[in-house]
Every structure is written in structure tokens, then in C-alpha cells.
């Protein structure tokens, strides 16, 4: 469960950074 939580956190961070990049364009 901990590994799953960590992977979910990483995915959320990736999505946030992607949103920021899209926002700058």
C-alpha cells in the first residue's frame, strides 16, 4: 500500500508539472 501511495504521489506531481508546462504555452 505504501508503494502504491508513493506511485500515486509521483503521478500527481508529474501531472501538476505537466499542467504548469501547458499553462505556460
C-alpha atoms as a PDB file:
ATOM      1  CA  UNK A   1       0.000   0.000   0.000  1.00  0.00           C
ATOM      2  CA  UNK A   2       2.877   2.381   0.799  1.00  0.00           C
ATOM      3  CA  UNK A   3       4.480   1.803  -2.603  1.00  0.00           C
ATOM      4  CA  UNK A   4       1.111   2.365  -4.257  1.00  0.00           C
ATOM      5  CA  UNK A   5       0.695   5.627  -2.329  1.00  0.00           C
ATOM      6  CA  UNK A   6       4.174   6.754  -3.379  1.00  0.00           C
ATOM      7  CA  UNK A   7       3.465   5.957  -7.026  1.00  0.00           C
ATOM      8  CA  UNK A   8       0.195   7.903  -6.839  1.00  0.00           C
ATOM      9  CA  UNK A   9       2.012  10.881  -5.315  1.00  0.00           C
ATOM     10  CA  UNK A  10       4.636  10.751  -8.072  1.00  0.00           C
ATOM     11  CA  UNK A  11       1.922  10.592 -10.741  1.00  0.00           C
ATOM     12  CA  UNK A  12       0.155  13.600  -9.207  1.00  0.00           C
ATOM     13  CA  UNK A  13       3.412  15.569  -9.172  1.00  0.00           C
ATOM     14  CA  UNK A  14       4.048  14.666 -12.810  1.00  0.00           C
ATOM     15  CA  UNK A  15       0.548  15.788 -13.768  1.00  0.00           C
ATOM     16  CA  UNK A  16       0.946  19.077 -11.893  1.00  0.00           C
ATOM     17  CA  UNK A  17       4.237  19.839 -13.642  1.00  0.00           C
ATOM     18  CA  UNK A  18       2.673  18.940 -16.983  1.00  0.00           C
ATOM     19  CA  UNK A  19      -0.236  21.304 -16.263  1.00  0.00           C
ATOM     20  CA  UNK A  20       2.229  24.098 -15.469  1.00  0.00           C
ATOM     21  CA  UNK A  21       4.067  23.495 -18.761  1.00  0.00           C
ATOM     22  CA  UNK A  22       0.784  23.521 -20.676  1.00  0.00           C
ATOM     23  CA  UNK A  23      -0.210  26.725 -18.902  1.00  0.00           C
ATOM     24  CA  UNK A  24       2.975  28.482 -19.967  1.00  0.00           C
ATOM     25  CA  UNK A  25       2.337  27.661 -23.625  1.00  0.00           C
END
